Protein backbone atom coordinates (compact mmCIF):
# COMPACT_ATOMS: atom_id res chain seq x y z
CA MET A 1 26.66 44.34 -34.89
CA ILE A 2 25.77 43.11 -38.17
CA ASP A 3 23.66 44.84 -40.75
CA VAL A 4 21.54 41.95 -42.35
CA ARG A 5 21.27 44.10 -45.52
CA ASP A 6 24.97 44.11 -46.01
CA PRO A 7 25.71 42.59 -49.63
CA LEU A 8 28.69 41.14 -48.02
CA LEU A 9 26.67 39.24 -45.23
CA ALA A 10 27.69 35.79 -46.47
CA ASN A 11 31.27 36.58 -45.34
CA ARG A 12 30.02 37.18 -41.76
CA ILE A 13 27.92 34.17 -41.44
CA SER A 14 30.36 31.56 -43.05
CA ASP A 15 30.87 29.70 -39.78
CA ILE A 16 27.06 29.61 -38.65
CA ASP A 17 25.03 26.46 -38.95
CA VAL A 18 21.58 27.89 -38.17
CA LEU A 19 20.39 31.66 -38.62
CA VAL A 20 17.34 32.69 -36.89
CA HIS A 21 16.36 36.03 -38.79
CA LEU A 22 14.42 38.59 -36.37
CA ALA A 23 15.81 42.01 -37.81
CA ALA A 24 12.36 43.29 -39.01
CA ASP A 25 10.56 46.40 -38.58
CA TYR A 26 6.75 46.23 -38.07
CA ALA A 27 5.95 49.43 -36.23
CA LEU A 28 2.51 50.53 -37.12
CA ASP A 29 3.48 54.21 -37.33
CA ALA A 30 6.43 53.85 -39.58
CA ASP A 31 6.25 54.98 -43.39
CA PRO A 32 4.87 52.00 -45.12
CA ALA A 33 7.06 52.29 -48.20
CA GLU A 34 10.42 52.37 -46.14
CA ARG A 35 9.30 49.77 -43.69
CA ARG A 36 8.40 47.25 -46.87
CA PHE A 37 11.77 48.25 -48.58
CA TYR A 38 13.77 47.47 -45.13
CA ASN A 39 11.89 44.38 -44.54
CA LEU A 40 12.21 42.89 -47.94
CA ARG A 41 15.71 43.84 -48.41
CA ALA A 42 16.60 42.37 -45.07
CA ALA A 43 14.66 38.84 -45.66
CA GLN A 44 16.16 38.77 -49.26
CA THR A 45 19.75 39.33 -48.07
CA VAL A 46 19.30 36.89 -45.35
CA LEU A 47 18.06 34.20 -47.72
CA THR A 48 20.68 34.86 -50.35
CA ALA A 49 23.65 35.07 -48.20
CA SER A 50 22.56 31.91 -46.00
CA ALA A 51 22.53 30.13 -49.56
CA ALA A 52 26.00 31.33 -50.35
CA ALA A 53 27.52 30.75 -47.04
CA ARG A 54 26.09 27.11 -46.94
CA VAL A 55 24.04 27.75 -43.72
CA ARG A 56 22.10 24.81 -43.25
CA ARG A 57 18.85 26.36 -41.83
CA VAL A 58 17.13 29.63 -41.74
CA VAL A 59 14.08 30.61 -39.37
CA LEU A 60 12.11 33.44 -40.12
CA VAL A 61 9.07 35.04 -38.17
CA THR A 62 5.92 36.31 -39.99
CA SER A 63 2.33 36.03 -38.68
CA ALA A 64 -0.70 33.87 -38.72
CA MET A 65 -2.23 36.86 -40.21
CA VAL A 66 -1.21 35.47 -43.58
CA TYR A 67 -4.05 33.15 -43.58
CA GLY A 68 -6.36 36.19 -43.74
CA ALA A 69 -9.21 37.09 -41.17
CA ASP A 70 -12.71 36.22 -42.56
CA PRO A 71 -16.22 35.61 -41.11
CA GLU A 72 -16.22 32.27 -42.99
CA ASN A 73 -12.86 30.88 -41.69
CA PRO A 74 -13.02 27.60 -39.98
CA VAL A 75 -12.16 27.79 -36.13
CA PRO A 76 -9.32 26.77 -36.05
CA LEU A 77 -7.79 27.13 -39.51
CA PRO A 78 -5.56 23.98 -40.38
CA GLU A 79 -1.99 24.69 -40.36
CA ASP A 80 -1.84 24.14 -44.13
CA ALA A 81 -4.72 26.34 -45.01
CA GLU A 82 -4.30 28.61 -47.88
CA VAL A 83 -2.38 32.01 -47.54
CA ALA A 84 -5.45 34.24 -48.26
CA ALA A 85 -4.75 37.56 -46.73
CA GLU A 86 -5.40 40.62 -48.85
CA PRO A 87 -2.14 42.39 -50.05
CA ASP A 88 -1.89 46.12 -48.81
CA THR A 89 0.48 48.65 -47.70
CA GLY A 90 0.24 47.35 -43.92
CA VAL A 91 2.27 44.86 -42.11
CA VAL A 92 0.20 41.90 -43.39
CA GLY A 93 1.39 42.93 -47.03
CA ASP A 94 5.03 42.76 -45.75
CA TYR A 95 4.57 39.14 -44.31
CA LEU A 96 2.98 38.11 -47.62
CA GLU A 97 6.01 39.72 -49.52
CA ILE A 98 8.42 37.98 -47.20
CA GLU A 99 6.83 34.59 -47.51
CA ALA A 100 6.89 35.00 -51.29
CA LEU A 101 10.47 35.40 -51.12
CA VAL A 102 10.73 32.22 -49.11
CA ARG A 103 9.03 30.20 -51.76
CA ARG A 104 11.41 31.79 -54.51
CA SER A 105 14.38 31.08 -52.34
CA SER A 106 13.41 27.36 -51.92
CA ARG A 107 13.10 26.91 -55.68
CA SER A 108 16.49 28.90 -56.24
CA HIS A 109 18.45 27.30 -53.26
CA PRO A 110 16.82 23.89 -52.67
CA GLY A 111 19.81 22.89 -50.29
CA LEU A 112 18.66 25.65 -47.91
CA ASP A 113 16.08 24.51 -45.47
CA VAL A 114 14.04 27.44 -44.48
CA THR A 115 11.22 27.46 -41.49
CA VAL A 116 8.72 30.16 -41.13
CA LEU A 117 6.91 30.53 -37.88
CA ARG A 118 3.43 32.35 -38.14
CA PRO A 119 2.30 33.47 -34.50
CA ALA A 120 -0.94 34.34 -33.51
CA ALA A 121 -1.33 37.74 -32.06
CA ILE A 122 1.86 38.53 -30.30
CA VAL A 123 1.66 39.53 -26.69
CA GLY A 124 4.45 40.82 -24.36
CA PRO A 125 6.26 43.95 -23.16
CA GLY A 126 6.95 46.39 -26.02
CA ILE A 127 4.57 44.70 -28.28
CA ASP A 128 2.51 47.42 -30.31
CA THR A 129 0.29 46.04 -33.00
CA VAL A 130 -3.29 46.68 -34.55
CA VAL A 131 -4.47 43.98 -31.95
CA THR A 132 -2.82 45.45 -28.83
CA ARG A 133 -4.23 48.91 -29.76
CA HIS A 134 -7.64 47.29 -29.95
CA PHE A 135 -7.40 46.52 -26.37
CA GLU A 136 -6.43 50.18 -25.69
CA ALA A 137 -9.82 51.55 -26.86
CA PRO A 138 -12.59 52.10 -24.15
CA ARG A 139 -14.77 49.79 -26.08
CA LEU A 140 -14.45 46.82 -28.48
CA LEU A 141 -15.41 47.40 -31.92
CA THR A 142 -17.27 44.34 -33.71
CA VAL A 143 -18.84 43.94 -36.89
CA LYS A 144 -22.74 43.09 -36.97
CA GLY A 145 -23.39 39.34 -37.42
CA CYS A 146 -19.79 38.20 -36.69
CA ASN A 147 -18.61 36.89 -33.45
CA PRO A 148 -14.81 37.16 -33.34
CA ARG A 149 -12.41 34.58 -31.77
CA TRP A 150 -9.30 35.25 -30.21
CA GLN A 151 -5.80 33.44 -30.04
CA PHE A 152 -2.77 34.89 -28.65
CA CYS A 153 0.96 34.15 -28.48
CA HIS A 154 3.02 35.08 -25.53
CA ILE A 155 6.57 36.31 -26.79
CA ASP A 156 7.98 33.64 -24.40
CA ASP A 157 6.14 30.90 -26.27
CA LEU A 158 7.37 32.39 -29.67
CA VAL A 159 11.05 31.95 -28.25
CA SER A 160 10.42 28.32 -27.29
CA ALA A 161 8.98 27.72 -30.69
CA LEU A 162 11.96 29.38 -32.31
CA GLU A 163 14.25 26.81 -30.42
CA CYS A 164 12.26 23.91 -31.99
CA ALA A 165 12.69 25.42 -35.35
CA ALA A 166 16.26 26.16 -34.87
CA LEU A 167 16.78 22.40 -33.88
CA GLY A 168 14.90 21.25 -36.94
CA LEU A 169 12.15 19.66 -34.84
CA VAL A 170 9.46 21.48 -37.31
CA THR A 171 10.21 22.61 -40.88
CA GLY A 172 8.12 24.51 -43.41
CA ALA A 173 5.47 27.13 -42.45
CA VAL A 174 4.55 26.60 -38.90
CA ALA A 175 1.78 28.17 -36.70
CA VAL A 176 2.54 29.39 -33.18
CA GLY A 177 -0.03 30.30 -30.51
CA SER A 178 -1.88 29.33 -27.21
CA ASP A 179 -4.12 26.37 -27.19
CA GLY A 180 -7.72 26.88 -28.44
CA TRP A 181 -9.34 30.39 -28.62
CA LEU A 182 -11.64 32.82 -26.63
CA GLU A 183 -14.89 33.70 -27.53
CA GLN A 184 -15.83 37.36 -27.61
CA ASP A 185 -18.16 36.96 -24.76
CA ARG A 186 -15.15 35.64 -22.51
CA VAL A 187 -12.84 38.31 -24.00
CA GLU A 188 -15.44 40.90 -22.84
CA GLU A 189 -15.75 39.25 -19.26
CA ILE A 190 -12.02 39.19 -18.66
CA SER A 191 -11.27 42.61 -19.82
CA GLY A 192 -14.49 44.53 -18.38
CA LEU A 193 -14.67 46.13 -21.82
CA ARG A 194 -18.16 46.45 -23.68
CA ARG A 195 -18.59 45.89 -27.43
CA PHE A 196 -19.49 48.65 -29.84
CA GLU A 197 -21.22 46.95 -32.83
CA LEU A 198 -21.35 48.55 -36.50
CA PRO A 199 -22.42 47.20 -39.72
CA ALA A 200 -19.47 45.91 -41.78
CA ALA A 201 -19.71 48.29 -44.77
CA LEU A 202 -19.74 51.58 -42.43
CA THR A 203 -16.82 49.96 -40.26
CA PHE A 204 -14.32 49.25 -43.10
CA GLY A 205 -15.47 52.17 -45.54
CA THR A 206 -14.97 54.72 -42.55
CA ALA A 207 -11.64 53.12 -41.65
CA GLN A 208 -10.44 53.17 -45.34
CA ARG A 209 -11.31 57.03 -45.66
CA LEU A 210 -9.65 57.83 -42.36
CA HIS A 211 -6.29 55.86 -43.29
CA ARG A 212 -6.33 57.54 -46.86
CA LEU A 213 -6.39 61.16 -44.96
CA GLY A 214 -3.54 59.85 -42.63
CA ILE A 215 -5.83 59.92 -39.57
CA THR A 216 -5.30 56.10 -38.68
CA PRO A 217 -2.02 54.40 -39.13
CA ALA A 218 -3.17 50.90 -40.57
CA PRO A 219 -5.02 50.27 -43.76
CA ALA A 220 -8.80 49.10 -43.49
CA THR A 221 -7.76 45.49 -44.18
CA ASP A 222 -5.91 45.37 -40.82
CA LEU A 223 -9.13 45.99 -39.01
CA ARG A 224 -10.36 42.62 -40.23
CA TYR A 225 -7.97 41.13 -37.70
CA VAL A 226 -9.68 42.57 -34.66
CA VAL A 227 -13.34 41.83 -36.06
CA TYR A 228 -13.04 38.63 -37.85
CA PRO A 229 -11.55 34.93 -36.69
CA TRP A 230 -8.01 33.91 -37.85
CA VAL A 231 -7.33 31.35 -34.97
CA ALA A 232 -4.95 28.77 -36.51
CA ASP A 233 -4.30 24.98 -35.36
CA CYS A 234 -0.61 24.63 -34.17
CA ALA A 235 -0.32 20.93 -35.09
CA ALA A 236 3.25 20.52 -36.09
CA LEU A 237 4.81 22.13 -33.05
CA ARG A 238 2.36 20.06 -30.89
CA HIS A 239 3.29 16.85 -32.59
CA ALA A 240 6.91 17.81 -32.07
CA GLY A 241 6.27 17.82 -28.53
CA TRP A 242 6.04 21.73 -27.88
CA LYS A 243 3.46 23.24 -25.54
CA PRO A 244 2.64 26.83 -24.91
CA ALA A 245 3.41 28.07 -21.40
CA TRP A 246 0.73 30.71 -21.64
CA SER A 247 -2.96 30.16 -22.11
CA ASN A 248 -5.03 32.64 -24.03
CA GLU A 249 -6.65 33.91 -20.99
CA ALA A 250 -3.17 34.67 -19.22
CA ALA A 251 -1.96 36.39 -22.36
CA LEU A 252 -5.11 38.50 -22.52
CA GLU A 253 -4.83 39.50 -18.91
CA LEU A 254 -1.17 40.46 -19.41
CA LEU A 255 -2.18 42.57 -22.57
CA LEU A 256 -4.68 44.41 -20.47
CA GLU A 257 -2.12 44.93 -17.83
CA LEU A 258 0.48 46.39 -20.33
CA ARG A 259 -2.41 48.60 -21.81
CA ALA A 260 -2.45 50.67 -18.83
CA GLY A 261 -2.17 54.39 -19.41
CA LYS A 262 -2.54 54.00 -23.20
CA HIS A 263 -5.43 55.06 -25.30
CA ALA A 264 -6.36 54.30 -28.78
CA VAL A 265 -9.40 54.58 -31.04
CA VAL A 266 -9.73 52.69 -34.41
CA GLY A 267 -5.81 51.97 -34.12
CA ARG A 268 -4.81 55.70 -33.59
CA ARG A 269 -2.90 56.35 -30.48
CA LEU A 270 -4.27 59.21 -28.61
CA SER A 271 -2.20 61.93 -27.10
CA GLY A 272 -2.35 62.62 -22.99
CA LYS A 273 -4.72 65.50 -23.62
CA ASP A 274 -7.05 63.24 -25.57
CA ALA A 275 -6.80 60.38 -23.24
CA THR A 276 -9.86 61.49 -21.14
CA ILE A 277 -12.09 60.12 -23.82
CA THR A 278 -14.75 58.07 -22.64
CA ALA A 279 -16.82 54.89 -23.98
CA ALA A 280 -19.63 57.37 -25.17
CA GLY A 281 -16.98 59.56 -26.61
CA ALA A 282 -15.43 56.63 -28.45
CA THR A 283 -18.76 55.80 -30.08
CA VAL A 284 -18.94 59.42 -31.16
CA ALA A 285 -15.42 59.44 -32.55
CA VAL A 286 -16.14 56.44 -34.85
CA ILE A 287 -19.54 57.59 -35.89
CA GLY A 288 -18.65 60.96 -36.25
CA THR A 289 -15.73 60.47 -38.46
CA ALA A 290 -17.69 61.47 -41.48
CA ALA A 291 -17.52 64.97 -39.94
CA ILE A 292 -13.61 64.74 -39.86
CA VAL A 293 -13.43 63.39 -43.33
CA ARG A 294 -15.57 66.52 -44.69
CA ARG A 295 -13.14 68.74 -42.66
CA ALA A 296 -9.98 67.35 -44.24
CA ARG A 297 -11.52 67.70 -47.69
CA ARG A 298 -12.33 71.31 -47.18
CA LYS A 299 -8.59 71.98 -46.03
CA ARG A 300 -7.58 70.13 -49.30
CA ARG A 301 -9.47 72.68 -51.40
CA LEU A 302 -8.32 75.53 -49.48
């Protein structure tokens, strides 16, 4: 096994033509600073070593999250849309930093071909993200005045896109996902989950307070990706002849199947004894977070 952070990595890959880098850590519950350090060190070492070893092509995976989730986003976003996500301590911040490394590497090592795949919300066994946890809740949080649109990427489709990138059929920054998108009403119809609507200021203000207190794993900015659209047009792969095997409907149905027995509210995974929370209880949990914040502040003063 090769440690991709090894400074001597170039010696281990001297006979490699194409390197696909997937050794990253995007666990929601990981220490943000440690996760960021690992991910950036790994990506930087891979890029530097590949240039030194004269690897012809490197393929990395970030996320379509780098486009940012915003109520004003066109649906779909053009693939060459501006990278507009807000830097933060969450996994989106890691993606942005990695893509910045890629841009610097392209200037420093013009002979190295680097392709970045930006998948939509990934679905598959073992996948645990802010999006998958959103569907572990008894109700779907929405923001008043905004209608989310949903695009998914099954892990098998990501693998087939990686094959295209490794073969050089696509280059640059490339979006990956199922064709089209699902409206919120269709998501609720498929899932059988009802929405729970709150004003944006209350939603993000409460989420940020909970994160600062360590009650929820992801920063409030991550919540944007389950209430605002970030659907991307996968034009480059489509023009290269790639087609997703999974539709958004099928991917969502699988996600719902995989969530069985798991329970989360505002991204926080609940323990077994808390798993009896009902839809009404979830509503109380979100609205009543002010009481949690007050209790936590009192404990700090003691």
